[in-house]
């Protein structure tokens, strides 16, 4: 199976979309490392102000605290000084995926951003950043 990542740059914002395999998949750590290394190479090779990495990480940051996958992801987060946007999710839902007939839910979809982008989010400047990028 192929686990893609898509990276595009719009003006000064680098967007990375990722899908990581679920734990227990064949070559799990190797695939996660390869995908994150690919994104790292792009991040290191681009000139940008903001970075947004989002997608299905297949890792619940609260439940999967002892997994090798989270360890690899945490190294990537630390290397690029990213922060999670999970705290921006509010309301009655504490999950990003729900299988209603089985009654299962998980929080495996995440957005990671660099600190300057997170500061804009905290101030409510997110729309301004995106709109300016689209106009230029």
N, C-alpha and C. Protein backbone atom coordinates (compact mmCIF):
# COMPACT_ATOMS: atom_id res chain seq x y z
N UNK A 1 0.84 -1.18 0.00
CA UNK A 1 0.00 0.00 0.00
C UNK A 1 0.88 1.24 0.00
N UNK A 2 0.43 2.25 -0.67
CA UNK A 2 1.14 3.52 -0.80
C UNK A 2 0.51 4.55 0.14
N UNK A 3 1.31 5.24 0.92
CA UNK A 3 0.82 6.24 1.86
C UNK A 3 1.31 7.61 1.41
N UNK A 4 0.42 8.38 0.81
CA UNK A 4 0.84 9.63 0.18
C UNK A 4 0.95 10.80 1.14
N UNK A 5 1.67 11.78 0.67
CA UNK A 5 1.63 13.10 1.26
C UNK A 5 1.61 14.07 0.09
N UNK A 6 0.89 15.14 0.26
CA UNK A 6 0.79 16.16 -0.78
C UNK A 6 1.27 17.46 -0.16
N UNK A 7 2.17 18.15 -0.86
CA UNK A 7 2.70 19.41 -0.36
C UNK A 7 2.54 20.46 -1.45
N UNK A 8 1.92 21.57 -1.08
CA UNK A 8 1.81 22.69 -2.00
C UNK A 8 2.19 23.96 -1.26
N UNK A 9 2.67 24.93 -2.00
CA UNK A 9 2.98 26.22 -1.41
C UNK A 9 2.15 27.28 -2.11
N UNK A 10 1.46 28.07 -1.31
CA UNK A 10 0.71 29.21 -1.81
C UNK A 10 1.31 30.43 -1.13
N UNK A 11 2.00 31.22 -1.94
CA UNK A 11 2.70 32.39 -1.44
C UNK A 11 3.64 31.99 -0.31
N UNK A 12 3.42 32.46 0.90
CA UNK A 12 4.34 32.18 2.00
C UNK A 12 3.83 31.10 2.96
N UNK A 13 2.82 30.34 2.51
CA UNK A 13 2.27 29.26 3.34
C UNK A 13 2.54 27.92 2.67
N UNK A 14 3.16 27.04 3.42
CA UNK A 14 3.44 25.68 2.95
C UNK A 14 2.39 24.75 3.56
N UNK A 15 1.58 24.12 2.71
CA UNK A 15 0.54 23.20 3.15
C UNK A 15 0.98 21.77 2.88
N UNK A 16 0.92 20.93 3.89
CA UNK A 16 1.28 19.52 3.74
C UNK A 16 0.09 18.69 4.20
N UNK A 17 -0.38 17.83 3.33
CA UNK A 17 -1.47 16.91 3.68
C UNK A 17 -0.87 15.52 3.78
N UNK A 18 -1.23 14.81 4.81
CA UNK A 18 -0.59 13.52 5.08
C UNK A 18 -1.62 12.46 5.44
N UNK A 19 -1.32 11.25 5.05
CA UNK A 19 -2.06 10.09 5.52
C UNK A 19 -1.01 9.08 5.98
N UNK A 20 -1.06 8.73 7.26
CA UNK A 20 -0.13 7.75 7.81
C UNK A 20 -0.87 6.44 8.06
N UNK A 21 -0.17 5.32 7.96
CA UNK A 21 -0.82 4.02 8.14
C UNK A 21 -1.22 3.80 9.60
N UNK A 22 -2.20 2.94 9.82
CA UNK A 22 -2.55 2.60 11.20
C UNK A 22 -1.48 1.74 11.85
N UNK A 23 -1.38 1.81 13.16
CA UNK A 23 -0.42 0.98 13.90
C UNK A 23 -0.67 -0.48 13.57
N UNK A 24 0.39 -1.23 13.48
CA UNK A 24 0.28 -2.65 13.17
C UNK A 24 0.40 -2.96 11.69
N UNK A 25 0.41 -1.92 10.86
CA UNK A 25 0.58 -2.13 9.42
C UNK A 25 1.98 -2.65 9.13
N UNK A 26 2.10 -3.37 8.04
CA UNK A 26 3.42 -3.85 7.63
C UNK A 26 4.34 -2.65 7.41
N UNK A 27 5.54 -2.75 7.94
CA UNK A 27 6.56 -1.70 7.78
C UNK A 27 6.09 -0.35 8.35
N UNK A 28 5.31 -0.39 9.42
CA UNK A 28 4.68 0.79 10.02
C UNK A 28 5.68 1.93 10.26
N UNK A 29 6.71 1.66 11.04
CA UNK A 29 7.67 2.72 11.40
C UNK A 29 8.43 3.19 10.17
N UNK A 30 8.79 2.27 9.30
CA UNK A 30 9.52 2.63 8.07
C UNK A 30 8.68 3.59 7.21
N UNK A 31 7.39 3.29 7.06
CA UNK A 31 6.52 4.14 6.24
C UNK A 31 6.34 5.51 6.88
N UNK A 32 6.07 5.54 8.18
CA UNK A 32 5.91 6.83 8.87
C UNK A 32 7.19 7.66 8.73
N UNK A 33 8.32 7.04 8.94
CA UNK A 33 9.60 7.75 8.83
C UNK A 33 9.80 8.28 7.41
N UNK A 34 9.49 7.46 6.40
CA UNK A 34 9.66 7.89 5.01
C UNK A 34 8.77 9.08 4.68
N UNK A 35 7.50 9.02 5.08
CA UNK A 35 6.57 10.11 4.79
C UNK A 35 7.03 11.39 5.48
N UNK A 36 7.37 11.30 6.75
CA UNK A 36 7.78 12.50 7.50
C UNK A 36 9.13 13.02 7.01
N UNK A 37 10.03 12.15 6.58
CA UNK A 37 11.30 12.60 6.00
C UNK A 37 11.07 13.32 4.68
N UNK A 38 10.13 12.84 3.90
CA UNK A 38 9.79 13.52 2.64
C UNK A 38 9.30 14.93 2.92
N UNK A 39 8.39 15.06 3.88
CA UNK A 39 7.88 16.38 4.25
C UNK A 39 9.00 17.25 4.81
N UNK A 40 9.88 16.67 5.63
CA UNK A 40 11.01 17.42 6.19
C UNK A 40 11.90 17.97 5.09
N UNK A 41 12.17 17.17 4.09
CA UNK A 41 13.01 17.63 2.97
C UNK A 41 12.37 18.80 2.24
N UNK A 42 11.06 18.76 2.07
CA UNK A 42 10.37 19.87 1.41
C UNK A 42 10.41 21.11 2.30
N UNK A 43 10.11 20.94 3.58
CA UNK A 43 10.14 22.08 4.51
C UNK A 43 11.53 22.72 4.51
N UNK A 44 12.56 21.89 4.56
CA UNK A 44 13.93 22.41 4.61
C UNK A 44 14.35 23.08 3.30
N UNK A 45 13.70 22.71 2.20
CA UNK A 45 14.08 23.25 0.89
C UNK A 45 13.25 24.41 0.41
N UNK A 46 12.29 24.87 1.19
CA UNK A 46 11.39 25.95 0.76
C UNK A 46 11.61 27.21 1.58
N UNK A 47 11.23 28.32 0.99
CA UNK A 47 11.20 29.59 1.70
C UNK A 47 9.73 29.88 1.99
N UNK A 48 9.38 30.06 3.25
CA UNK A 48 8.01 30.22 3.67
C UNK A 48 7.97 30.99 4.98
N UNK A 49 6.79 31.43 5.35
CA UNK A 49 6.59 32.04 6.65
C UNK A 49 5.77 31.12 7.56
N UNK A 50 4.81 30.43 6.95
CA UNK A 50 3.91 29.58 7.72
C UNK A 50 3.93 28.15 7.18
N UNK A 51 3.78 27.19 8.10
CA UNK A 51 3.69 25.77 7.73
C UNK A 51 2.43 25.20 8.37
N UNK A 52 1.66 24.47 7.56
CA UNK A 52 0.47 23.78 8.03
C UNK A 52 0.58 22.33 7.57
N UNK A 53 0.63 21.41 8.53
CA UNK A 53 0.65 19.98 8.22
C UNK A 53 -0.63 19.40 8.79
N UNK A 54 -1.45 18.82 7.94
CA UNK A 54 -2.71 18.28 8.43
C UNK A 54 -3.09 17.00 7.74
N UNK A 55 -3.91 16.23 8.41
CA UNK A 55 -4.41 15.02 7.79
C UNK A 55 -4.71 13.92 8.79
N UNK A 56 -4.79 12.73 8.25
CA UNK A 56 -5.08 11.54 9.04
C UNK A 56 -3.76 10.92 9.48
N UNK A 57 -3.39 11.18 10.72
CA UNK A 57 -2.14 10.66 11.25
C UNK A 57 -2.31 9.25 11.80
N UNK A 58 -3.54 8.81 11.96
CA UNK A 58 -3.84 7.51 12.55
C UNK A 58 -3.18 7.33 13.91
N UNK A 59 -3.01 8.43 14.60
CA UNK A 59 -2.43 8.43 15.94
C UNK A 59 -3.29 9.34 16.81
N UNK A 60 -3.77 8.81 17.91
CA UNK A 60 -4.50 9.59 18.88
C UNK A 60 -3.46 10.06 19.91
N UNK A 61 -3.19 11.34 19.94
CA UNK A 61 -2.12 11.87 20.78
C UNK A 61 -2.34 11.58 22.26
N UNK A 62 -3.59 11.44 22.68
CA UNK A 62 -3.87 11.16 24.09
C UNK A 62 -3.85 9.66 24.41
N UNK A 63 -4.34 8.83 23.50
CA UNK A 63 -4.44 7.39 23.76
C UNK A 63 -3.19 6.62 23.38
N UNK A 64 -2.49 7.06 22.36
CA UNK A 64 -1.35 6.30 21.83
C UNK A 64 -0.02 6.83 22.34
N UNK A 65 0.05 7.14 23.60
CA UNK A 65 1.23 7.80 24.15
C UNK A 65 2.47 6.92 24.20
N UNK A 66 2.33 5.62 24.14
CA UNK A 66 3.47 4.72 24.25
C UNK A 66 3.86 4.07 22.92
N UNK A 67 3.36 4.58 21.80
CA UNK A 67 3.64 3.94 20.52
C UNK A 67 4.90 4.49 19.88
N UNK A 68 5.56 3.64 19.11
CA UNK A 68 6.73 4.08 18.36
C UNK A 68 6.34 5.13 17.32
N UNK A 69 5.15 5.00 16.76
CA UNK A 69 4.68 5.96 15.76
C UNK A 69 4.61 7.36 16.33
N UNK A 70 4.09 7.50 17.54
CA UNK A 70 4.01 8.82 18.17
C UNK A 70 5.40 9.35 18.45
N UNK A 71 6.31 8.49 18.80
CA UNK A 71 7.69 8.91 19.05
C UNK A 71 8.33 9.49 17.79
N UNK A 72 8.14 8.82 16.66
CA UNK A 72 8.67 9.31 15.38
C UNK A 72 8.02 10.65 15.02
N UNK A 73 6.69 10.73 15.20
CA UNK A 73 5.98 11.96 14.91
C UNK A 73 6.43 13.09 15.83
N UNK A 74 6.63 12.79 17.10
CA UNK A 74 7.07 13.83 18.05
C UNK A 74 8.45 14.37 17.67
N UNK A 75 9.32 13.52 17.18
CA UNK A 75 10.64 13.99 16.71
C UNK A 75 10.49 14.95 15.55
N UNK A 76 9.58 14.64 14.62
CA UNK A 76 9.29 15.51 13.48
C UNK A 76 8.75 16.85 13.97
N UNK A 77 7.81 16.80 14.92
CA UNK A 77 7.21 18.02 15.48
C UNK A 77 8.29 18.88 16.14
N UNK A 78 9.15 18.26 16.93
CA UNK A 78 10.21 18.99 17.62
C UNK A 78 11.22 19.59 16.64
N UNK A 79 11.59 18.79 15.63
CA UNK A 79 12.58 19.25 14.65
C UNK A 79 12.13 20.51 13.93
N UNK A 80 10.84 20.59 13.63
CA UNK A 80 10.33 21.73 12.86
C UNK A 80 9.58 22.74 13.72
N UNK A 81 9.67 22.57 15.03
CA UNK A 81 9.06 23.49 16.00
C UNK A 81 7.59 23.72 15.67
N UNK A 82 6.86 22.62 15.52
CA UNK A 82 5.43 22.67 15.23
C UNK A 82 4.62 22.53 16.51
N UNK A 83 3.41 23.01 16.47
CA UNK A 83 2.49 22.85 17.59
C UNK A 83 1.18 22.30 17.04
N UNK A 84 0.48 21.55 17.85
CA UNK A 84 -0.79 20.98 17.43
C UNK A 84 -1.91 22.00 17.59
N UNK A 85 -2.90 21.89 16.74
CA UNK A 85 -4.08 22.75 16.83
C UNK A 85 -5.25 22.04 17.49
N UNK A 86 -4.98 20.90 18.11
CA UNK A 86 -6.04 20.12 18.75
C UNK A 86 -6.80 20.94 19.78
N UNK A 87 -6.12 21.88 20.42
CA UNK A 87 -6.78 22.70 21.43
C UNK A 87 -7.81 23.65 20.82
N UNK A 88 -7.78 23.84 19.52
CA UNK A 88 -8.75 24.71 18.86
C UNK A 88 -10.10 24.02 18.68
N UNK A 89 -10.11 22.70 18.83
CA UNK A 89 -11.37 21.97 18.69
C UNK A 89 -12.16 22.10 19.98
N UNK A 90 -13.35 22.62 19.84
CA UNK A 90 -14.17 22.80 21.04
C UNK A 90 -15.59 22.33 20.74
N UNK A 91 -16.38 22.33 21.75
CA UNK A 91 -17.75 21.90 21.57
C UNK A 91 -17.98 20.53 22.17
N UNK A 92 -19.04 19.90 21.74
CA UNK A 92 -19.43 18.63 22.35
C UNK A 92 -18.68 17.43 21.78
N UNK A 93 -17.93 17.60 20.70
CA UNK A 93 -17.24 16.48 20.08
C UNK A 93 -15.78 16.41 20.51
N UNK A 94 -15.36 15.23 20.90
CA UNK A 94 -13.96 15.03 21.29
C UNK A 94 -13.32 14.00 20.37
N UNK A 95 -13.78 13.96 19.13
CA UNK A 95 -13.26 13.01 18.16
C UNK A 95 -13.29 13.61 16.77
N UNK A 96 -12.47 13.05 15.88
CA UNK A 96 -12.45 13.49 14.48
C UNK A 96 -12.96 12.39 13.57
N UNK A 97 -13.15 11.20 14.11
CA UNK A 97 -13.70 10.07 13.36
C UNK A 97 -14.69 9.35 14.27
N UNK A 98 -15.82 8.98 13.70
CA UNK A 98 -16.81 8.24 14.48
C UNK A 98 -17.48 7.22 13.58
N UNK A 99 -17.55 5.99 14.07
CA UNK A 99 -18.28 4.92 13.39
C UNK A 99 -19.53 4.69 14.22
N UNK A 100 -20.62 5.28 13.78
CA UNK A 100 -21.83 5.31 14.62
C UNK A 100 -22.42 3.94 14.89
N UNK A 101 -22.40 3.04 13.91
CA UNK A 101 -23.02 1.73 14.15
C UNK A 101 -22.22 0.88 15.13
N UNK A 102 -20.90 1.07 15.15
CA UNK A 102 -20.07 0.34 16.10
C UNK A 102 -19.88 1.10 17.41
N UNK A 103 -20.20 2.39 17.39
CA UNK A 103 -20.02 3.21 18.58
C UNK A 103 -18.57 3.51 18.89
N UNK A 104 -17.71 3.45 17.87
CA UNK A 104 -16.29 3.75 18.06
C UNK A 104 -15.99 5.17 17.60
N UNK A 105 -15.06 5.79 18.27
CA UNK A 105 -14.61 7.12 17.84
C UNK A 105 -13.13 7.26 18.17
N UNK A 106 -12.49 8.19 17.48
CA UNK A 106 -11.07 8.44 17.74
C UNK A 106 -10.73 9.87 17.33
N UNK A 107 -9.62 10.33 17.80
CA UNK A 107 -9.11 11.66 17.48
C UNK A 107 -7.77 11.45 16.76
N UNK A 108 -7.85 11.08 15.48
CA UNK A 108 -6.64 10.71 14.73
C UNK A 108 -6.32 11.69 13.61
N UNK A 109 -7.15 12.69 13.41
CA UNK A 109 -6.92 13.72 12.39
C UNK A 109 -6.44 14.97 13.11
N UNK A 110 -5.35 15.52 12.63
CA UNK A 110 -4.73 16.65 13.33
C UNK A 110 -4.21 17.69 12.36
N UNK A 111 -4.04 18.90 12.88
CA UNK A 111 -3.31 19.95 12.18
C UNK A 111 -2.13 20.33 13.06
N UNK A 112 -0.97 20.41 12.44
CA UNK A 112 0.25 20.88 13.09
C UNK A 112 0.68 22.14 12.35
N UNK A 113 1.05 23.17 13.07
CA UNK A 113 1.46 24.42 12.44
C UNK A 113 2.72 24.94 13.12
N UNK A 114 3.45 25.79 12.40
CA UNK A 114 4.61 26.40 13.05
C UNK A 114 4.12 27.47 14.02
N UNK A 115 5.01 27.89 14.89
CA UNK A 115 4.62 28.77 15.99
C UNK A 115 4.05 30.10 15.51
N UNK A 116 4.61 30.66 14.43
CA UNK A 116 4.11 31.95 13.96
C UNK A 116 2.68 31.83 13.44
N UNK A 117 2.35 30.70 12.80
CA UNK A 117 0.98 30.48 12.34
C UNK A 117 0.05 30.30 13.53
N UNK A 118 0.51 29.57 14.54
CA UNK A 118 -0.30 29.35 15.74
C UNK A 118 -0.58 30.67 16.45
N UNK A 119 0.39 31.57 16.48
CA UNK A 119 0.18 32.88 17.09
C UNK A 119 -0.91 33.65 16.34
N UNK A 120 -0.91 33.55 15.00
CA UNK A 120 -1.97 34.19 14.22
C UNK A 120 -3.32 33.60 14.56
N UNK A 121 -3.38 32.28 14.72
CA UNK A 121 -4.63 31.63 15.11
C UNK A 121 -5.11 32.15 16.45
N UNK A 122 -4.20 32.26 17.39
CA UNK A 122 -4.55 32.70 18.74
C UNK A 122 -5.11 34.12 18.75
N UNK A 123 -4.59 34.95 17.85
CA UNK A 123 -5.06 36.33 17.76
C UNK A 123 -6.30 36.46 16.88
N UNK A 124 -6.66 35.40 16.18
CA UNK A 124 -7.81 35.47 15.28
C UNK A 124 -7.45 36.02 13.92
N UNK A 125 -6.16 36.02 13.58
CA UNK A 125 -5.69 36.57 12.31
C UNK A 125 -5.65 35.55 11.18
N UNK A 126 -6.16 34.37 11.39
CA UNK A 126 -6.02 33.30 10.41
C UNK A 126 -6.63 33.67 9.07
N UNK A 127 -7.82 34.22 9.05
CA UNK A 127 -8.45 34.58 7.78
C UNK A 127 -7.64 35.64 7.05
N UNK A 128 -7.08 36.58 7.78
CA UNK A 128 -6.26 37.61 7.17
C UNK A 128 -5.06 37.00 6.48
N UNK A 129 -4.39 36.07 7.14
CA UNK A 129 -3.22 35.41 6.58
C UNK A 129 -3.59 34.68 5.29
N UNK A 130 -4.65 33.92 5.31
CA UNK A 130 -5.05 33.14 4.15
C UNK A 130 -5.51 34.06 3.02
N UNK A 131 -6.30 35.07 3.32
CA UNK A 131 -6.79 35.98 2.29
C UNK A 131 -5.67 36.77 1.63
N UNK A 132 -4.73 37.23 2.41
CA UNK A 132 -3.59 37.96 1.85
C UNK A 132 -2.81 37.04 0.92
N UNK A 133 -2.62 35.82 1.31
CA UNK A 133 -1.89 34.87 0.47
C UNK A 133 -2.61 34.63 -0.85
N UNK A 134 -3.92 34.60 -0.84
CA UNK A 134 -4.66 34.35 -2.06
C UNK A 134 -4.68 35.56 -2.98
N UNK A 135 -4.60 36.74 -2.44
CA UNK A 135 -4.63 37.96 -3.24
C UNK A 135 -3.30 38.21 -3.93
N UNK A 136 -2.22 37.94 -3.25
CA UNK A 136 -0.87 38.23 -3.77
C UNK A 136 -0.53 37.38 -4.96
